[in-house]
Amino acid sequence: MAKIKGANELAKYMTEQFVTYMETPKEQRKQTRSSAKALREPWLTRWFGWGPASLMIWWKIRAERQNTSAIKRAKTQQEL
């Protein structure tokens, strides 16, 4: 953002930004917004770093392993 010295320049800058926004088509604004959102990191990583994210991944894998082992146990018990 450019340095703004006075109220007149502020009004001019805001008007230019508003006109630029209004002149762009709605679909282009939506596309720009969605592409910017896709490039952004997940909020957990942005706020807390990779520690909690790695714990979530580990916990998810752990839960999947427990579910598959429970299914295997149930199948072997049905065979008996």
PDB file of N, CA and C in Angstrom:
ATOM      1  N   MET A   1       0.850  -1.171   0.000  1.00  0.00           N
ATOM      2  CA  MET A   1       0.000   0.000   0.000  1.00  0.00           C
ATOM      3  C   MET A   1       0.892   1.228   0.000  1.00  0.00           C
ATOM      4  N   ALA A   2       0.544   2.178  -0.790  1.00  0.00           N
ATOM      5  CA  ALA A   2       1.333   3.399  -0.900  1.00  0.00           C
ATOM      6  C   ALA A   2       1.132   4.262   0.341  1.00  0.00           C
ATOM      7  N   LYS A   3       2.140   5.078   0.642  1.00  0.00           N
ATOM      8  CA  LYS A   3       2.011   5.980   1.789  1.00  0.00           C
ATOM      9  C   LYS A   3       1.023   7.078   1.452  1.00  0.00           C
ATOM     10  N   ILE A   4       0.118   7.337   2.351  1.00  0.00           N
ATOM     11  CA  ILE A   4      -0.928   8.323   2.129  1.00  0.00           C
ATOM     12  C   ILE A   4      -0.704   9.481   3.090  1.00  0.00           C
ATOM     13  N   LYS A   5      -0.658  10.711   2.553  1.00  0.00           N
ATOM     14  CA  LYS A   5      -0.289  11.858   3.372  1.00  0.00           C
ATOM     15  C   LYS A   5      -1.485  12.605   3.952  1.00  0.00           C
ATOM     16  N   GLY A   6      -2.567  12.689   3.240  1.00  0.00           N
ATOM     17  CA  GLY A   6      -3.666  13.490   3.739  1.00  0.00           C
ATOM     18  C   GLY A   6      -5.008  12.843   3.471  1.00  0.00           C
ATOM     19  N   ALA A   7      -6.045  13.514   3.950  1.00  0.00           N
ATOM     20  CA  ALA A   7      -7.390  12.993   3.800  1.00  0.00           C
ATOM     21  C   ALA A   7      -7.810  12.953   2.335  1.00  0.00           C
ATOM     22  N   ASN A   8      -7.385  13.948   1.566  1.00  0.00           N
ATOM     23  CA  ASN A   8      -7.738  13.964   0.142  1.00  0.00           C
ATOM     24  C   ASN A   8      -7.107  12.792  -0.588  1.00  0.00           C
ATOM     25  N   GLU A   9      -5.858  12.507  -0.278  1.00  0.00           N
ATOM     26  CA  GLU A   9      -5.191  11.373  -0.909  1.00  0.00           C
ATOM     27  C   GLU A   9      -5.817  10.065  -0.474  1.00  0.00           C
ATOM     28  N   LEU A  10      -6.226  10.002   0.789  1.00  0.00           N
ATOM     29  CA  LEU A  10      -6.894   8.797   1.277  1.00  0.00           C
ATOM     30  C   LEU A  10      -8.200   8.573   0.526  1.00  0.00           C
ATOM     31  N   ALA A  11      -8.979   9.626   0.366  1.00  0.00           N
ATOM     32  CA  ALA A  11     -10.245   9.517  -0.361  1.00  0.00           C
ATOM     33  C   ALA A  11      -9.993   9.115  -1.817  1.00  0.00           C
ATOM     34  N   LYS A  12      -8.970   9.674  -2.422  1.00  0.00           N
ATOM     35  CA  LYS A  12      -8.635   9.349  -3.804  1.00  0.00           C
ATOM     36  C   LYS A  12      -8.227   7.882  -3.925  1.00  0.00           C
ATOM     37  N   TYR A  13      -7.387   7.424  -3.009  1.00  0.00           N
ATOM     38  CA  TYR A  13      -6.926   6.041  -3.023  1.00  0.00           C
ATOM     39  C   TYR A  13      -8.095   5.075  -2.837  1.00  0.00           C
ATOM     40  N   MET A  14      -8.958   5.365  -1.869  1.00  0.00           N
ATOM     41  CA  MET A  14     -10.104   4.492  -1.617  1.00  0.00           C
ATOM     42  C   MET A  14     -11.051   4.463  -2.808  1.00  0.00           C
ATOM     43  N   THR A  15     -11.238   5.616  -3.444  1.00  0.00           N
ATOM     44  CA  THR A  15     -12.094   5.680  -4.626  1.00  0.00           C
ATOM     45  C   THR A  15     -11.511   4.857  -5.767  1.00  0.00           C
ATOM     46  N   GLU A  16     -10.207   4.959  -5.977  1.00  0.00           N
ATOM     47  CA  GLU A  16      -9.557   4.166  -7.023  1.00  0.00           C
ATOM     48  C   GLU A  16      -9.716   2.672  -6.760  1.00  0.00           C
ATOM     49  N   GLN A  17      -9.512   2.257  -5.516  1.00  0.00           N
ATOM     50  CA  GLN A  17      -9.657   0.846  -5.171  1.00  0.00           C
ATOM     51  C   GLN A  17     -11.092   0.372  -5.384  1.00  0.00           C
ATOM     52  N   PHE A  18     -12.051   1.184  -4.990  1.00  0.00           N
ATOM     53  CA  PHE A  18     -13.455   0.841  -5.138  1.00  0.00           C
ATOM     54  C   PHE A  18     -13.840   0.731  -6.615  1.00  0.00           C
ATOM     55  N   VAL A  19     -13.385   1.673  -7.419  1.00  0.00           N
ATOM     56  CA  VAL A  19     -13.695   1.644  -8.852  1.00  0.00           C
ATOM     57  C   VAL A  19     -13.071   0.421  -9.507  1.00  0.00           C
ATOM     58  N   THR A  20     -11.842   0.107  -9.139  1.00  0.00           N
ATOM     59  CA  THR A  20     -11.177  -1.078  -9.671  1.00  0.00           C
ATOM     60  C   THR A  20     -11.965  -2.335  -9.307  1.00  0.00           C
ATOM     61  N   TYR A  21     -12.419  -2.393  -8.074  1.00  0.00           N
ATOM     62  CA  TYR A  21     -13.209  -3.536  -7.611  1.00  0.00           C
ATOM     63  C   TYR A  21     -14.516  -3.652  -8.389  1.00  0.00           C
ATOM     64  N   MET A  22     -15.194  -2.537  -8.566  1.00  0.00           N
ATOM     65  CA  MET A  22     -16.487  -2.551  -9.242  1.00  0.00           C
ATOM     66  C   MET A  22     -16.361  -2.833 -10.740  1.00  0.00           C
ATOM     67  N   GLU A  23     -15.235  -2.482 -11.329  1.00  0.00           N
ATOM     68  CA  GLU A  23     -15.049  -2.713 -12.761  1.00  0.00           C
ATOM     69  C   GLU A  23     -14.709  -4.152 -13.098  1.00  0.00           C
ATOM     70  N   THR A  24     -14.164  -4.898 -12.149  1.00  0.00           N
ATOM     71  CA  THR A  24     -13.850  -6.295 -12.425  1.00  0.00           C
ATOM     72  C   THR A  24     -15.152  -7.103 -12.373  1.00  0.00           C
ATOM     73  N   PRO A  25     -15.312  -8.055 -13.285  1.00  0.00           N
ATOM     74  CA  PRO A  25     -16.527  -8.871 -13.295  1.00  0.00           C
ATOM     75  C   PRO A  25     -16.634  -9.737 -12.037  1.00  0.00           C
ATOM     76  N   LYS A  26     -17.852 -10.048 -11.661  1.00  0.00           N
ATOM     77  CA  LYS A  26     -18.105 -10.808 -10.441  1.00  0.00           C
ATOM     78  C   LYS A  26     -17.442 -12.185 -10.492  1.00  0.00           C
ATOM     79  N   GLU A  27     -17.508 -12.838 -11.635  1.00  0.00           N
ATOM     80  CA  GLU A  27     -16.908 -14.164 -11.773  1.00  0.00           C
ATOM     81  C   GLU A  27     -15.392 -14.109 -11.600  1.00  0.00           C
ATOM     82  N   GLN A  28     -14.774 -13.057 -12.110  1.00  0.00           N
ATOM     83  CA  GLN A  28     -13.321 -12.924 -11.958  1.00  0.00           C
ATOM     84  C   GLN A  28     -12.959 -12.690 -10.493  1.00  0.00           C
ATOM     85  N   ARG A  29     -13.757 -11.904  -9.784  1.00  0.00           N
ATOM     86  CA  ARG A  29     -13.499 -11.684  -8.351  1.00  0.00           C
ATOM     87  C   ARG A  29     -13.636 -12.990  -7.581  1.00  0.00           C
ATOM     88  N   LYS A  30     -14.664 -13.781  -7.930  1.00  0.00           N
ATOM     89  CA  LYS A  30     -14.852 -15.074  -7.265  1.00  0.00           C
ATOM     90  C   LYS A  30     -13.673 -16.002  -7.528  1.00  0.00           C
ATOM     91  N   GLN A  31     -13.230 -16.032  -8.783  1.00  0.00           N
ATOM     92  CA  GLN A  31     -12.112 -16.896  -9.153  1.00  0.00           C
ATOM     93  C   GLN A  31     -10.837 -16.464  -8.435  1.00  0.00           C
ATOM     94  N   THR A  32     -10.584 -15.174  -8.357  1.00  0.00           N
ATOM     95  CA  THR A  32      -9.411 -14.664  -7.662  1.00  0.00           C
ATOM     96  C   THR A  32      -9.450 -15.038  -6.184  1.00  0.00           C
ATOM     97  N   ARG A  33     -10.614 -14.873  -5.589  1.00  0.00           N
ATOM     98  CA  ARG A  33     -10.783 -15.194  -4.170  1.00  0.00           C
ATOM     99  C   ARG A  33     -10.563 -16.679  -3.910  1.00  0.00           C
ATOM    100  N   SER A  34     -11.131 -17.536  -4.768  1.00  0.00           N
ATOM    101  CA  SER A  34     -10.996 -18.978  -4.552  1.00  0.00           C
ATOM    102  C   SER A  34      -9.561 -19.448  -4.800  1.00  0.00           C
ATOM    103  N   SER A  35      -8.870 -18.862  -5.775  1.00  0.00           N
ATOM    104  CA  SER A  35      -7.484 -19.261  -6.011  1.00  0.00           C
ATOM    105  C   SER A  35      -6.587 -18.812  -4.859  1.00  0.00           C
ATOM    106  N   ALA A  36      -6.851 -17.644  -4.302  1.00  0.00           N
ATOM    107  CA  ALA A  36      -6.070 -17.186  -3.148  1.00  0.00           C
ATOM    108  C   ALA A  36      -6.335 -18.071  -1.942  1.00  0.00           C
ATOM    109  N   LYS A  37      -7.572 -18.511  -1.790  1.00  0.00           N
ATOM    110  CA  LYS A  37      -7.933 -19.381  -0.676  1.00  0.00           C
ATOM    111  C   LYS A  37      -7.264 -20.750  -0.812  1.00  0.00           C
ATOM    112  N   ALA A  38      -7.140 -21.241  -2.044  1.00  0.00           N
ATOM    113  CA  ALA A  38      -6.515 -22.539  -2.287  1.00  0.00           C
ATOM    114  C   ALA A  38      -5.021 -22.507  -1.990  1.00  0.00           C
ATOM    115  N   LEU A  39      -4.378 -21.370  -2.210  1.00  0.00           N
ATOM    116  CA  LEU A  39      -2.939 -21.265  -1.973  1.00  0.00           C
ATOM    117  C   LEU A  39      -2.588 -21.098  -0.499  1.00  0.00           C
ATOM    118  N   ARG A  40      -3.565 -20.695   0.302  1.00  0.00           N
ATOM    119  CA  ARG A  40      -3.308 -20.422   1.715  1.00  0.00           C
ATOM    120  C   ARG A  40      -3.145 -21.720   2.504  1.00  0.00           C
ATOM    121  N   GLU A  41      -2.272 -21.700   3.495  1.00  0.00           N
ATOM    122  CA  GLU A  41      -2.077 -22.863   4.347  1.00  0.00           C
ATOM    123  C   GLU A  41      -3.309 -23.065   5.227  1.00  0.00           C
ATOM    124  N   PRO A  42      -3.517 -24.285   5.718  1.00  0.00           N
ATOM    125  CA  PRO A  42      -4.620 -24.502   6.648  1.00  0.00           C
ATOM    126  C   PRO A  42      -4.440 -23.671   7.917  1.00  0.00           C
ATOM    127  N   TRP A  43      -5.537 -23.326   8.562  1.00  0.00           N
ATOM    128  CA  TRP A  43      -5.467 -22.422   9.717  1.00  0.00           C
ATOM    129  C   TRP A  43      -4.662 -23.029  10.859  1.00  0.00           C
ATOM    130  N   LEU A  44      -4.720 -24.335  11.029  1.00  0.00           N
ATOM    131  CA  LEU A  44      -3.976 -24.972  12.119  1.00  0.00           C
ATOM    132  C   LEU A  44      -2.481 -24.763  11.940  1.00  0.00           C
ATOM    133  N   THR A  45      -2.003 -24.895  10.723  1.00  0.00           N
ATOM    134  CA  THR A  45      -0.584 -24.697  10.439  1.00  0.00           C
ATOM    135  C   THR A  45      -0.200 -23.236  10.575  1.00  0.00           C
ATOM    136  N   ARG A  46      -1.046 -22.345  10.088  1.00  0.00           N
ATOM    137  CA  ARG A  46      -0.729 -20.916  10.169  1.00  0.00           C
ATOM    138  C   ARG A  46      -0.662 -20.448  11.614  1.00  0.00           C
ATOM    139  N   TRP A  47      -1.530 -20.958  12.463  1.00  0.00           N
ATOM    140  CA  TRP A  47      -1.586 -20.476  13.843  1.00  0.00           C
ATOM    141  C   TRP A  47      -0.584 -21.163  14.761  1.00  0.00           C
ATOM    142  N   PHE A  48      -0.384 -22.451  14.588  1.00  0.00           N
ATOM    143  CA  PHE A  48       0.396 -23.202  15.568  1.00  0.00           C
ATOM    144  C   PHE A  48       1.614 -23.906  15.006  1.00  0.00           C
ATOM    145  N   GLY A  49       1.843 -23.868  13.711  1.00  0.00           N
ATOM    146  CA  GLY A  49       2.997 -24.538  13.132  1.00  0.00           C
ATOM    147  C   GLY A  49       2.697 -25.989  12.801  1.00  0.00           C
ATOM    148  N   TRP A  50       3.751 -26.753  12.580  1.00  0.00           N
ATOM    149  CA  TRP A  50       3.583 -28.134  12.132  1.00  0.00           C
ATOM    150  C   TRP A  50       3.391 -29.126  13.269  1.00  0.00           C
ATOM    151  N   GLY A  51       3.636 -28.731  14.508  1.00  0.00           N
ATOM    152  CA  GLY A  51       3.487 -29.664  15.627  1.00  0.00           C
ATOM    153  C   GLY A  51       2.091 -30.248  15.743  1.00  0.00           C
ATOM    154  N   PRO A  52       1.068 -29.433  15.905  1.00  0.00           N
ATOM    155  CA  PRO A  52      -0.287 -29.974  16.002  1.00  0.00           C
ATOM    156  C   PRO A  52      -0.737 -30.692  14.731  1.00  0.00           C
ATOM    157  N   ALA A  53      -0.302 -30.220  13.586  1.00  0.00           N
ATOM    158  CA  ALA A  53      -0.679 -30.882  12.333  1.00  0.00           C
ATOM    159  C   ALA A  53      -0.096 -32.291  12.289  1.00  0.00           C
ATOM    160  N   SER A  54       1.156 -32.439  12.725  1.00  0.00           N
ATOM    161  CA  SER A  54       1.767 -33.769  12.725  1.00  0.00           C
ATOM    162  C   SER A  54       1.084 -34.684  13.734  1.00  0.00           C
ATOM    163  N   LEU A  55       0.673 -34.127  14.873  1.00  0.00           N
ATOM    164  CA  LEU A  55      -0.070 -34.942  15.841  1.00  0.00           C
ATOM    165  C   LEU A  55      -1.407 -35.399  15.274  1.00  0.00           C
ATOM    166  N   MET A  56      -2.088 -34.540  14.545  1.00  0.00           N
ATOM    167  CA  MET A  56      -3.355 -34.928  13.925  1.00  0.00           C
ATOM    168  C   MET A  56      -3.157 -36.043  12.908  1.00  0.00           C
ATOM    169  N   ILE A  57      -2.121 -35.929  12.102  1.00  0.00           N
ATOM    170  CA  ILE A  57      -1.845 -36.970  11.107  1.00  0.00           C
ATOM    171  C   ILE A  57      -1.537 -38.285  11.795  1.00  0.00           C
ATOM    172  N   TRP A  58      -0.704 -38.235  12.827  1.00  0.00           N
ATOM    173  CA  TRP A  58      -0.361 -39.451  13.577  1.00  0.00           C
ATOM    174  C   TRP A  58      -1.603 -40.075  14.198  1.00  0.00           C
ATOM    175  N   TRP A  59      -2.462 -39.255  14.790  1.00  0.00           N
ATOM    176  CA  TRP A  59      -3.672 -39.757  15.444  1.00  0.00           C
ATOM    177  C   TRP A  59      -4.619 -40.394  14.426  1.00  0.00           C
ATOM    178  N   LYS A  60      -4.727 -39.788  13.260  1.00  0.00           N
ATOM    179  CA  LYS A  60      -5.602 -40.315  12.218  1.00  0.00           C
ATOM    180  C   LYS A  60      -5.111 -41.682  11.749  1.00  0.00           C
ATOM    181  N   ILE A  61      -3.809 -41.803  11.511  1.00  0.00           N
ATOM    182  CA  ILE A  61      -3.234 -43.080  11.086  1.00  0.00           C
ATOM    183  C   ILE A  61      -3.417 -44.125  12.173  1.00  0.00           C
ATOM    184  N   ARG A  62      -3.221 -43.728  13.421  1.00  0.00           N
ATOM    185  CA  ARG A  62      -3.385 -44.633  14.562  1.00  0.00           C
ATOM    186  C   ARG A  62      -4.814 -45.154  14.631  1.00  0.00           C
ATOM    187  N   ALA A  63      -5.789 -44.271  14.442  1.00  0.00           N
ATOM    188  CA  ALA A  63      -7.190 -44.677  14.502  1.00  0.00           C
ATOM    189  C   ALA A  63      -7.537 -45.622  13.358  1.00  0.00           C
ATOM    190  N   GLU A  64      -6.997 -45.361  12.165  1.00  0.00           N
ATOM    191  CA  GLU A  64      -7.252 -46.240  11.023  1.00  0.00           C
ATOM    192  C   GLU A  64      -6.670 -47.631  11.270  1.00  0.00           C
ATOM    193  N   ARG A  65      -5.496 -47.690  11.859  1.00  0.00           N
ATOM    194  CA  ARG A  65      -4.880 -48.992  12.158  1.00  0.00           C
ATOM    195  C   ARG A  65      -5.712 -49.760  13.176  1.00  0.00           C
ATOM    196  N   GLN A  66      -6.207 -49.063  14.182  1.00  0.00           N
ATOM    197  CA  GLN A  66      -7.029 -49.728  15.189  1.00  0.00           C
ATOM    198  C   GLN A  66      -8.324 -50.251  14.578  1.00  0.00           C
ATOM    199  N   ASN A  67      -8.919 -49.488  13.671  1.00  0.00           N
ATOM    200  CA  ASN A  67     -10.151 -49.930  13.024  1.00  0.00           C
ATOM    201  C   ASN A  67      -9.918 -51.160  12.161  1.00  0.00           C
ATOM    202  N   THR A  68      -8.829 -51.192  11.418  1.00  0.00           N
ATOM    203  CA  THR A  68      -8.557 -52.343  10.560  1.00  0.00           C
ATOM    204  C   THR A  68      -8.237 -53.574  11.392  1.00  0.00           C
ATOM    205  N   SER A  69      -7.540 -53.408  12.509  1.00  0.00           N
ATOM    206  CA  SER A  69      -7.240 -54.561  13.356  1.00  0.00           C
ATOM    207  C   SER A  69      -8.509 -55.072  14.034  1.00  0.00           C
ATOM    208  N   ALA A  70      -9.433 -54.194  14.380  1.00  0.00           N
ATOM    209  CA  ALA A  70     -10.700 -54.615  14.978  1.00  0.00           C
ATOM    210  C   ALA A  70     -11.538 -55.382  13.963  1.00  0.00           C
ATOM    211  N   ILE A  71     -11.511 -54.967  12.722  1.00  0.00           N
ATOM    212  CA  ILE A  71     -12.248 -55.669  11.672  1.00  0.00           C
ATOM    213  C   ILE A  71     -11.659 -57.058  11.452  1.00  0.00           C
ATOM    214  N   LYS A  72     -10.336 -57.147  11.450  1.00  0.00           N
ATOM    215  CA  LYS A  72      -9.675 -58.450  11.283  1.00  0.00           C
ATOM    216  C   LYS A  72     -10.029 -59.387  12.426  1.00  0.00           C
ATOM    217  N   ARG A  73     -10.040 -58.855  13.666  1.00  0.00           N
ATOM    218  CA  ARG A  73     -10.399 -59.678  14.824  1.00  0.00           C
ATOM    219  C   ARG A  73     -11.835 -60.169  14.724  1.00  0.00           C
ATOM    220  N   ALA A  74     -12.728 -59.334  14.278  1.00  0.00           N
ATOM    221  CA  ALA A  74     -14.134 -59.704  14.153  1.00  0.00           C
ATOM    222  C   ALA A  74     -14.299 -60.800  13.100  1.00  0.00           C
ATOM    223  N   LYS A  75     -13.558 -60.721  12.022  1.00  0.00           N
ATOM    224  CA  LYS A  75     -13.644 -61.735  10.981  1.00  0.00           C
ATOM    225  C   LYS A  75     -13.129 -63.080  11.475  1.00  0.00           C
ATOM    226  N   THR A  76     -12.037 -63.072  12.223  1.00  0.00           N
ATOM    227  CA  THR A  76     -11.485 -64.329  12.727  1.00  0.00           C
ATOM    228  C   THR A  76     -12.419 -64.941  13.768  1.00  0.00           C
ATOM    229  N   GLN A  77     -13.100 -64.132  14.556  1.00  0.00           N
ATOM    230  CA  GLN A  77     -14.035 -64.664  15.532  1.00  0.00           C
ATOM    231  C   GLN A  77     -15.272 -65.253  14.844  1.00  0.00           C
ATOM    232  N   GLN A  78     -15.683 -64.675  13.735  1.00  0.00           N
ATOM    233  CA  GLN A  78     -16.830 -65.209  12.998  1.00  0.00           C
ATOM    234  C   GLN A  78     -16.479 -66.541  12.348  1.00  0.00           C
ATOM    235  N   GLU A  79     -15.221 -66.714  11.960  1.00  0.00           N
ATOM    236  CA  GLU A  79     -14.793 -67.958  11.326  1.00  0.00           C
ATOM    237  C   GLU A  79     -14.753 -69.102  12.320  1.00  0.00           C
ATOM    238  N   LEU A  80     -14.560 -68.786  13.593  1.00  0.00           N
ATOM    239  CA  LEU A  80     -14.489 -69.839  14.612  1.00  0.00           C
ATOM    240  C   LEU A  80     -15.837 -70.333  14.903  1.00  0.00           C
TER     241      LEU A  80
END
